[in-house]
C-alpha atoms as a PDB file:
ATOM      1  CA  MET A   1      12.160 -10.119   8.349  1.00  0.00           C
ATOM      2  CA  GLU A   2      12.210  -8.949  12.439  1.00  0.00           C
ATOM      3  CA  HIS A   3       9.597  -7.264  13.567  1.00  0.00           C
ATOM      4  CA  SER A   4       9.856  -3.748  13.967  1.00  0.00           C
ATOM      5  CA  SER A   5       8.205  -0.069  13.797  1.00  0.00           C
ATOM      6  CA  LYS A   6       8.842  -0.449   9.836  1.00  0.00           C
ATOM      7  CA  PHE A   7       7.210  -3.768   9.586  1.00  0.00           C
ATOM      8  CA  PHE A   8       4.396  -6.178  10.574  1.00  0.00           C
ATOM      9  CA  MET A   9       2.979  -9.332   9.110  1.00  0.00           C
ATOM     10  CA  ASN A  10      -0.541 -10.037  10.068  1.00  0.00           C
ATOM     11  CA  THR A  11      -1.299 -13.639   8.784  1.00  0.00           C
ATOM     12  CA  ALA A  12      -3.985 -13.906  11.327  1.00  0.00           C
ATOM     13  CA  CYS A  13      -5.874 -11.354   9.237  1.00  0.00           C
ATOM     14  CA  GLN A  14      -8.939 -12.859   7.424  1.00  0.00           C
ATOM     15  CA  TYR A  15      -7.768 -10.904   4.914  1.00  0.00           C
ATOM     16  CA  PHE A  16      -4.392 -12.227   4.422  1.00  0.00           C
ATOM     17  CA  PRO A  17      -2.726 -11.976   1.829  1.00  0.00           C
ATOM     18  CA  CYS A  18      -5.169  -8.823   0.238  1.00  0.00           C
ATOM     19  CA  HIS A  19      -2.456  -8.345  -2.613  1.00  0.00           C
ATOM     20  CA  ASP A  20      -0.428 -11.552  -4.627  1.00  0.00           C
ATOM     21  CA  ARG A  21       2.953 -11.005  -3.679  1.00  0.00           C
ATOM     22  CA  GLU A  22       5.939 -13.012  -3.202  1.00  0.00           C
ATOM     23  CA  GLY A  23       8.218 -13.029   0.085  1.00  0.00           C
ATOM     24  CA  ASP A  24       7.398 -10.824   2.924  1.00  0.00           C
ATOM     25  CA  PHE A  25       4.582  -8.940   2.952  1.00  0.00           C
ATOM     26  CA  ASN A  26       4.018  -5.842   5.455  1.00  0.00           C
ATOM     27  CA  CYS A  27       1.057  -5.026   6.796  1.00  0.00           C
ATOM     28  CA  LEU A  28       1.970  -1.732   8.270  1.00  0.00           C
ATOM     29  CA  PHE A  29       0.315  -0.020   5.599  1.00  0.00           C
ATOM     30  CA  CYS A  30      -2.928  -1.958   5.333  1.00  0.00           C
ATOM     31  CA  TYR A  31      -4.635   1.350   4.590  1.00  0.00           C
ATOM     32  CA  CYS A  32      -2.659   2.862   1.821  1.00  0.00           C
ATOM     33  CA  PRO A  33      -1.730   6.631   3.686  1.00  0.00           C
ATOM     34  CA  MET A  34      -1.282   7.448   0.062  1.00  0.00           C
ATOM     35  CA  TYR A  35      -4.346   6.681  -1.542  1.00  0.00           C
ATOM     36  CA  THR A  36      -5.989  10.032  -1.796  1.00  0.00           C
ATOM     37  CA  TYR A  37      -2.706  10.681  -4.068  1.00  0.00           C
ATOM     38  CA  LYS A  38      -3.297  11.040  -7.195  1.00  0.00           C
ATOM     39  CA  ASP A  39       0.981  10.576  -7.995  1.00  0.00           C
ATOM     40  CA  CYS A  40       1.143   7.995  -5.342  1.00  0.00           C
ATOM     41  CA  LEU A  41       4.208   5.661  -5.839  1.00  0.00           C
ATOM     42  CA  GLY A  42       2.373   2.832  -6.351  1.00  0.00           C
ATOM     43  CA  ASN A  43       0.598   1.280  -9.938  1.00  0.00           C
ATOM     44  CA  PRO A  44      -3.189   2.132  -9.309  1.00  0.00           C
ATOM     45  CA  THR A  45      -5.221   1.991 -12.001  1.00  0.00           C
ATOM     46  CA  TYR A  46      -8.740   4.110 -12.733  1.00  0.00           C
ATOM     47  CA  LYS A  47     -12.435   3.399 -13.510  1.00  0.00           C
ATOM     48  CA  GLU A  48     -15.324   5.549 -13.849  1.00  0.00           C
ATOM     49  CA  SER A  49     -18.259   4.887 -11.895  1.00  0.00           C
ATOM     50  CA  LYS A  50     -21.742   6.919 -11.723  1.00  0.00           C
ATOM     51  CA  GLY A  51     -19.653   9.954 -13.126  1.00  0.00           C
ATOM     52  CA  LYS A  52     -16.415  10.010 -10.649  1.00  0.00           C
ATOM     53  CA  THR A  53     -13.152   8.463 -10.957  1.00  0.00           C
ATOM     54  CA  ILE A  54     -12.420   5.891  -8.722  1.00  0.00           C
ATOM     55  CA  LYS A  55      -8.789   4.674  -7.921  1.00  0.00           C
ATOM     56  CA  VAL A  56      -8.427   0.991  -7.842  1.00  0.00           C
ATOM     57  CA  CYS A  57      -5.461  -0.842  -5.739  1.00  0.00           C
ATOM     58  CA  THR A  58      -6.372  -4.229  -5.717  1.00  0.00           C
ATOM     59  CA  LYS A  59      -3.359  -4.877  -7.993  1.00  0.00           C
ATOM     60  CA  CYS A  60      -0.969  -2.455  -6.454  1.00  0.00           C
ATOM     61  CA  SER A  61       1.271  -3.795  -3.694  1.00  0.00           C
ATOM     62  CA  PHE A  62       3.552  -1.663  -3.382  1.00  0.00           C
ATOM     63  CA  PRO A  63       2.621  -0.364   0.292  1.00  0.00           C
ATOM     64  CA  HIS A  64       3.083  -4.089   1.369  1.00  0.00           C
ATOM     65  CA  ASP A  65       6.980  -4.437   0.343  1.00  0.00           C
ATOM     66  CA  PRO A  66       9.391  -3.935   3.289  1.00  0.00           C
ATOM     67  CA  ASP A  67      12.011  -2.345   1.487  1.00  0.00           C
ATOM     68  CA  HIS A  68       9.236   0.642   0.236  1.00  0.00           C
ATOM     69  CA  TYR A  69       8.686   2.111   3.781  1.00  0.00           C
ATOM     70  CA  ASP A  70      11.591   4.746   3.521  1.00  0.00           C
ATOM     71  CA  ALA A  71       9.997   6.071  -0.074  1.00  0.00           C
ATOM     72  CA  ILE A  72       6.406   6.410   1.543  1.00  0.00           C
ATOM     73  CA  MET A  73       7.451   8.266   4.085  1.00  0.00           C
ATOM     74  CA  GLN A  74       9.679  10.496   2.480  1.00  0.00           C
ATOM     75  CA  PHE A  75       6.752  10.938   0.063  1.00  0.00           C
ATOM     76  CA  LEU A  76       4.423  11.969   2.713  1.00  0.00           C
ATOM     77  CA  ARG A  77       6.669  14.528   4.533  1.00  0.00           C
ATOM     78  CA  GLU A  78       6.981  16.129   0.897  1.00  0.00           C
ATOM     79  CA  HIS A  79       3.093  16.057   0.195  1.00  0.00           C
ATOM     80  CA  ARG A  80       1.992  17.520   3.609  1.00  0.00           C
END
């Protein structure tokens, strides 16, 4: 995939790849912009810790799929 404003892959990152995923890996959303939303587009799990619910995204690769850029941007526009 060509590098663009919608995609880049940082294979030099010490955490690359941070999720199990085949194919192109988009590092643009290294920190997921949907993390604070309970109704995010990904597939997080939740766990209880010290009386708080914590969102766990370790098995979610939704923001790293290059084809999901437009859906994420639309989600963020709708949830401002």
